[in-house]
């Protein structure tokens, strides 16, 4: 008898029953932007329906997503302009917005997994991800110490996951040693292992106020025309002690996600970045696509490529979609 797949597509219940790609609440990580001050919840122009939040508003903001099954958040700090300096001092301040937010979240939602982004770009007055020399070049080795101190500050506050996004060479091993020397042997490192110099980051740089003052980040972020470099970078992070690998961006790099998934048995995250989010938002606003359907299709494609974890500004929206389908 001839097999006819269309029979399985006749009813929604049948389609769900035989689907081999399923996205669950625990697969998602929601990025949040923390700012100094009090009673702040301001929509980010470049990221509609995303907000700058002061620490005192975080618990209230998370109440509904947590009730819908949110499993993890990834925190980004956005200091005041006058707090930025050449050595990113605010990045390792134990009273900075990220350490205070970590403590606040863990006190109120102890089961929520809290990750923190570890990078200097939002904290430097020049907007680059590392310490710079007098000629305007990022000093890779000198930057490692600053990253490790930032990671330790977040871990002491209670962070479950440290996520270095700077793309300095050797930073995973350097941070791992620093953590273990202080007894933090169980802190998870989710490495931005494969992070491309991408034009998809524009809205994020607006949200985090982290655009480079001069030049670009192509000297330390990856060239998207060099596909074989991804495997090398991922393998180096594995050897240095990463627990979770990440590919960023996601949608234009599904082939890379698949490649890294086949290379490693470590959990793999994909960051569906701000440009991907904004394109869908703008298309939906213009009435040329259905936002919910497009988000589901994109998430399915990312999971199908091999990602175990999806970091997305749509995480909160998708939790609502999942909740409505129950």
Protein backbone atom coordinates (compact mmCIF):
# COMPACT_ATOMS: atom_id res chain seq x y z
CA UNK A 1 0.00 0.00 0.00
CA UNK A 2 1.34 3.42 -0.93
CA UNK A 3 2.49 5.63 1.95
CA UNK A 4 0.91 9.06 1.76
CA UNK A 5 2.36 11.62 4.19
CA UNK A 6 -0.51 14.00 3.46
CA UNK A 7 -2.78 11.77 5.55
CA UNK A 8 -0.73 12.78 8.60
CA UNK A 9 -1.19 16.44 7.76
CA UNK A 10 -4.96 16.42 7.75
CA UNK A 11 -5.45 17.32 11.43
CA UNK A 12 -3.45 19.47 13.86
CA UNK A 13 -3.49 16.70 16.46
CA UNK A 14 -1.98 14.22 14.01
CA UNK A 15 0.69 16.70 12.94
CA UNK A 16 1.75 17.28 16.53
CA UNK A 17 1.75 13.55 17.23
CA UNK A 18 4.24 12.68 14.50
CA UNK A 19 6.40 15.81 14.62
CA UNK A 20 10.01 14.92 15.35
CA UNK A 21 11.03 18.52 16.14
CA UNK A 22 9.38 19.81 19.30
CA UNK A 23 10.30 23.04 21.05
CA UNK A 24 9.73 23.12 24.80
CA UNK A 25 9.81 25.93 27.33
CA UNK A 26 13.02 24.57 28.83
CA UNK A 27 14.78 24.91 25.45
CA UNK A 28 14.58 28.71 25.60
CA UNK A 29 16.70 31.45 27.16
CA UNK A 30 15.35 34.99 27.46
CA UNK A 31 17.89 37.86 27.21
CA UNK A 32 17.31 40.86 29.52
CA UNK A 33 18.90 44.33 29.55
CA UNK A 34 19.62 45.82 33.00
CA UNK A 35 20.12 49.55 33.55
CA UNK A 36 20.96 51.72 36.57
CA UNK A 37 18.21 53.59 38.39
CA UNK A 38 14.86 52.72 39.91
CA UNK A 39 11.38 51.95 38.62
CA UNK A 40 12.55 51.74 35.01
CA UNK A 41 10.80 49.71 32.36
CA UNK A 42 11.39 51.41 29.02
CA UNK A 43 10.71 49.81 25.65
CA UNK A 44 13.79 49.59 23.44
CA UNK A 45 13.06 51.35 20.16
CA UNK A 46 15.21 48.99 18.09
CA UNK A 47 13.72 45.91 19.80
CA UNK A 48 9.94 46.33 20.07
CA UNK A 49 8.40 44.57 23.09
CA UNK A 50 11.83 44.32 24.77
CA UNK A 51 12.77 46.59 27.65
CA UNK A 52 15.50 48.27 29.61
CA UNK A 53 14.81 47.24 33.20
CA UNK A 54 16.10 48.53 36.50
CA UNK A 55 16.93 45.86 39.07
CA UNK A 56 13.86 46.62 41.18
CA UNK A 57 11.55 45.84 38.22
CA UNK A 58 13.12 42.51 37.21
CA UNK A 59 11.22 40.25 39.61
CA UNK A 60 7.87 41.73 38.60
CA UNK A 61 8.76 41.48 34.90
CA UNK A 62 9.68 37.79 35.19
CA UNK A 63 6.56 36.75 37.08
CA UNK A 64 4.48 35.87 34.01
CA UNK A 65 7.23 34.21 31.92
CA UNK A 66 8.27 32.08 34.91
CA UNK A 67 4.66 31.05 35.47
CA UNK A 68 4.58 29.93 31.81
CA UNK A 69 7.66 27.77 32.23
CA UNK A 70 10.62 30.06 31.55
CA UNK A 71 13.71 28.07 32.49
CA UNK A 72 16.60 30.51 31.97
CA UNK A 73 17.59 34.14 31.44
CA UNK A 74 20.75 35.76 30.08
CA UNK A 75 21.57 39.14 31.63
CA UNK A 76 23.27 42.09 29.93
CA UNK A 77 24.36 45.19 31.82
CA UNK A 78 23.99 48.67 30.31
CA UNK A 79 25.85 51.22 32.47
CA UNK A 80 25.47 54.97 32.29
CA UNK A 81 27.69 56.66 29.71
CA UNK A 82 29.63 58.50 32.43
CA UNK A 83 30.41 55.17 34.14
CA UNK A 84 32.33 53.83 31.15
CA UNK A 85 36.10 53.92 31.00
CA UNK A 86 39.04 52.40 29.14
CA UNK A 87 39.33 49.50 31.60
CA UNK A 88 35.60 48.70 31.86
CA UNK A 89 35.63 49.17 35.64
CA UNK A 90 31.87 48.80 36.00
CA UNK A 91 32.02 45.30 34.50
CA UNK A 92 33.44 43.89 37.75
CA UNK A 93 31.67 46.09 40.30
CA UNK A 94 29.88 43.80 42.80
CA UNK A 95 27.24 46.52 43.15
CA UNK A 96 26.73 46.80 39.41
CA UNK A 97 23.35 46.13 37.84
CA UNK A 98 24.12 42.56 36.76
CA UNK A 99 25.37 41.20 40.13
CA UNK A 100 22.48 42.90 41.94
CA UNK A 101 19.98 41.51 39.42
CA UNK A 102 21.45 38.00 39.78
CA UNK A 103 20.95 38.13 43.55
CA UNK A 104 17.43 39.54 43.21
CA UNK A 105 16.36 36.91 40.71
CA UNK A 106 17.87 33.99 42.63
CA UNK A 107 16.23 35.19 45.87
CA UNK A 108 12.79 35.23 44.23
CA UNK A 109 13.10 32.47 41.61
CA UNK A 110 15.70 30.05 43.00
CA UNK A 111 15.00 27.41 40.32
CA UNK A 112 15.43 29.83 37.42
CA UNK A 113 18.76 29.35 35.66
CA UNK A 114 20.57 32.69 35.55
CA UNK A 115 23.27 33.29 32.95
CA UNK A 116 25.32 36.45 32.53
CA UNK A 117 27.04 37.81 29.47
CA UNK A 118 30.77 38.35 30.03
CA UNK A 119 32.20 40.98 27.69
CA UNK A 120 33.63 44.46 28.11
CA UNK A 121 32.03 46.23 25.13
CA UNK A 122 29.11 47.79 27.00
CA UNK A 123 31.45 49.00 29.75
CA UNK A 124 34.35 50.50 27.77
CA UNK A 125 34.36 54.09 26.62
CA UNK A 126 35.55 52.95 23.17
CA UNK A 127 32.94 50.20 22.71
CA UNK A 128 35.35 47.37 21.92
CA UNK A 129 35.29 43.99 23.64
CA UNK A 130 38.76 44.24 25.14
CA UNK A 131 41.43 46.51 26.54
CA UNK A 132 43.10 48.61 23.85
CA UNK A 133 46.68 49.74 23.29
CA UNK A 134 47.75 53.25 22.32
CA UNK A 135 47.42 52.36 18.64
CA UNK A 136 43.77 51.39 18.95
CA UNK A 137 44.31 47.61 18.80
CA UNK A 138 42.63 45.21 21.22
CA UNK A 139 45.16 43.53 23.51
CA UNK A 140 44.02 39.92 23.65
CA UNK A 141 46.14 38.56 26.53
CA UNK A 142 45.76 41.63 28.75
CA UNK A 143 41.97 41.43 28.34
CA UNK A 144 41.76 37.91 29.79
CA UNK A 145 42.37 39.07 33.36
CA UNK A 146 39.54 41.61 33.13
CA UNK A 147 37.15 39.00 31.74
CA UNK A 148 38.03 36.57 34.51
CA UNK A 149 37.40 39.22 37.16
CA UNK A 150 34.04 40.03 35.58
CA UNK A 151 33.13 36.33 35.53
CA UNK A 152 34.09 35.95 39.19
CA UNK A 153 31.99 38.97 40.17
CA UNK A 154 28.92 37.43 38.53
CA UNK A 155 29.59 33.98 39.95
CA UNK A 156 30.00 35.30 43.49
CA UNK A 157 26.60 36.96 43.09
CA UNK A 158 25.07 33.55 42.29
CA UNK A 159 25.13 33.21 38.48
CA UNK A 160 24.64 29.63 37.28
CA UNK A 161 26.08 30.22 33.80
CA UNK A 162 28.91 32.46 32.65
CA UNK A 163 28.68 33.30 28.94
CA UNK A 164 31.86 34.88 27.52
CA UNK A 165 30.97 36.68 24.27
CA UNK A 166 34.18 38.65 23.71
CA UNK A 167 35.92 36.15 21.34
CA UNK A 168 39.38 36.69 22.82
CA UNK A 169 41.71 33.73 22.29
CA UNK A 170 42.17 31.45 25.34
CA UNK A 171 39.51 33.15 27.44
CA UNK A 172 37.57 29.95 28.22
CA UNK A 173 40.58 28.26 29.79
CA UNK A 174 41.58 31.45 31.61
CA UNK A 175 38.09 31.93 33.08
CA UNK A 176 37.78 28.23 33.94
CA UNK A 177 41.03 28.33 35.94
CA UNK A 178 40.00 31.52 37.73
CA UNK A 179 36.65 30.01 38.72
CA UNK A 180 38.15 26.78 39.98
CA UNK A 181 40.84 28.58 41.97
CA UNK A 182 38.02 30.19 43.96
CA UNK A 183 36.18 26.90 44.36
CA UNK A 184 33.51 27.51 41.70
CA UNK A 185 33.98 24.10 40.12
CA UNK A 186 30.31 23.70 39.18
CA UNK A 187 29.82 27.01 37.38
CA UNK A 188 28.79 26.35 33.78
CA UNK A 189 30.59 28.17 30.97
CA UNK A 190 28.45 28.69 27.88
CA UNK A 191 30.94 29.90 25.33
CA UNK A 192 30.15 32.07 22.35
CA UNK A 193 32.35 29.62 20.47
CA UNK A 194 31.33 30.57 16.94
CA UNK A 195 30.48 34.26 16.83
CA UNK A 196 30.60 35.97 13.48
CA UNK A 197 31.32 39.62 12.67
CA UNK A 198 27.74 40.11 11.57
CA UNK A 199 25.51 42.94 10.41
CA UNK A 200 22.65 41.28 12.31
CA UNK A 201 23.79 42.81 15.63
CA UNK A 202 22.67 46.37 14.97
CA UNK A 203 19.57 46.52 17.21
CA UNK A 204 21.47 44.86 20.08
CA UNK A 205 24.25 47.43 19.93
CA UNK A 206 21.61 50.11 20.21
CA UNK A 207 19.98 48.35 23.17
CA UNK A 208 23.27 47.72 24.98
CA UNK A 209 24.87 51.01 23.90
CA UNK A 210 27.89 48.98 22.79
CA UNK A 211 28.69 50.05 19.24
CA UNK A 212 32.45 50.53 18.66
CA UNK A 213 33.55 54.16 18.76
CA UNK A 214 35.94 53.47 15.91
CA UNK A 215 36.70 50.58 13.56
CA UNK A 216 34.88 47.27 13.81
CA UNK A 217 35.25 43.89 15.54
CA UNK A 218 36.45 41.87 12.58
CA UNK A 219 39.89 41.36 14.13
CA UNK A 220 38.43 39.19 16.91
CA UNK A 221 34.99 38.12 15.70
CA UNK A 222 34.85 35.52 12.92
CA UNK A 223 34.77 36.02 9.16
CA UNK A 224 31.52 34.50 7.86
CA UNK A 225 33.20 33.58 4.57
CA UNK A 226 35.53 31.13 6.36
CA UNK A 227 33.33 28.15 7.20
CA UNK A 228 36.08 25.79 8.39
CA UNK A 229 37.15 28.15 11.15
CA UNK A 230 33.98 27.32 13.12
CA UNK A 231 35.11 23.76 13.86
CA UNK A 232 38.53 24.96 15.00
CA UNK A 233 37.09 27.57 17.37
CA UNK A 234 34.60 25.10 18.84
CA UNK A 235 37.27 22.46 19.41
CA UNK A 236 39.53 24.95 21.18
CA UNK A 237 36.71 25.89 23.56
CA UNK A 238 35.98 22.23 24.27
CA UNK A 239 39.64 21.65 25.15
CA UNK A 240 39.69 24.72 27.41
CA UNK A 241 36.68 23.58 29.45
CA UNK A 242 33.48 24.95 27.94
CA UNK A 243 30.29 23.17 29.03
CA UNK A 244 27.95 24.54 26.36
CA UNK A 245 28.91 25.76 22.89
CA UNK A 246 27.11 28.51 21.02
CA UNK A 247 26.69 29.67 17.44
CA UNK A 248 25.75 33.31 16.84
CA UNK A 249 23.83 34.46 14.78
CA UNK A 250 21.46 31.56 14.10
CA UNK A 251 19.23 31.89 11.06
CA UNK A 252 21.91 32.65 8.45
CA UNK A 253 24.21 30.02 10.00
CA UNK A 254 22.07 26.89 10.18
CA UNK A 255 24.76 24.99 8.28
CA UNK A 256 27.29 25.94 10.95
CA UNK A 257 24.93 24.86 13.74
CA UNK A 258 24.58 21.48 12.03
CA UNK A 259 28.35 21.19 11.61
CA UNK A 260 29.12 21.95 15.27
CA UNK A 261 26.33 19.63 16.43
CA UNK A 262 27.88 16.77 14.45
CA UNK A 263 31.35 17.60 15.79
CA UNK A 264 30.61 17.67 19.52
CA UNK A 265 28.50 15.90 22.12
CA UNK A 266 28.31 19.04 24.24
CA UNK A 267 24.99 20.88 24.46
CA UNK A 268 24.71 23.45 21.69
CA UNK A 269 23.03 26.84 21.94
CA UNK A 270 22.09 29.11 19.05
CA UNK A 271 21.57 32.83 19.56
CA UNK A 272 18.76 34.12 17.37
CA UNK A 273 20.01 37.68 17.39
CA UNK A 274 18.48 41.13 17.43
CA UNK A 275 18.55 41.60 13.65
CA UNK A 276 16.64 38.36 13.15
CA UNK A 277 14.11 39.47 15.76
CA UNK A 278 13.67 42.94 14.29
CA UNK A 279 13.19 41.67 10.73
CA UNK A 280 10.30 39.46 11.83
CA UNK A 281 8.83 42.24 13.94
CA UNK A 282 8.96 44.72 11.08
CA UNK A 283 7.49 42.25 8.59
CA UNK A 284 4.64 41.44 10.97
CA UNK A 285 4.03 45.13 11.62
CA UNK A 286 3.81 45.73 7.87
CA UNK A 287 1.21 42.97 7.65
CA UNK A 288 3.24 40.80 5.26
CA UNK A 289 3.70 37.83 7.60
CA UNK A 290 2.15 36.18 10.64
CA UNK A 291 4.56 36.77 13.53
CA UNK A 292 3.58 33.68 15.51
CA UNK A 293 3.86 31.34 12.54
CA UNK A 294 7.19 32.80 11.44
CA UNK A 295 8.70 32.54 14.94
CA UNK A 296 7.62 28.92 15.18
CA UNK A 297 9.11 28.16 11.78
CA UNK A 298 12.42 29.85 12.62
CA UNK A 299 12.69 28.10 16.00
CA UNK A 300 11.91 24.77 14.35
CA UNK A 301 14.63 25.35 11.76
CA UNK A 302 17.18 26.16 14.48
CA UNK A 303 16.28 23.03 16.45
CA UNK A 304 16.26 20.93 13.27
CA UNK A 305 19.79 22.11 12.48
CA UNK A 306 20.92 20.68 15.82
CA UNK A 307 20.65 23.36 18.51
CA UNK A 308 19.55 22.16 21.94
CA UNK A 309 19.05 25.67 23.30
CA UNK A 310 17.62 28.77 21.62
CA UNK A 311 18.48 32.22 22.97
CA UNK A 312 15.91 34.65 21.61
CA UNK A 313 14.09 37.89 22.32
CA UNK A 314 11.01 35.96 21.20
CA UNK A 315 11.35 33.52 24.13
CA UNK A 316 8.68 35.27 26.17
CA UNK A 317 6.33 35.41 23.18
CA UNK A 318 6.92 31.75 22.42
CA UNK A 319 6.13 30.73 26.00
CA UNK A 320 2.77 32.39 25.50
CA UNK A 321 2.29 30.45 22.24
CA UNK A 322 3.08 27.18 24.02
CA UNK A 323 0.77 28.09 26.89
CA UNK A 324 -2.11 28.92 24.55
CA UNK A 325 -1.76 25.56 22.80
CA UNK A 326 -2.21 23.57 26.01
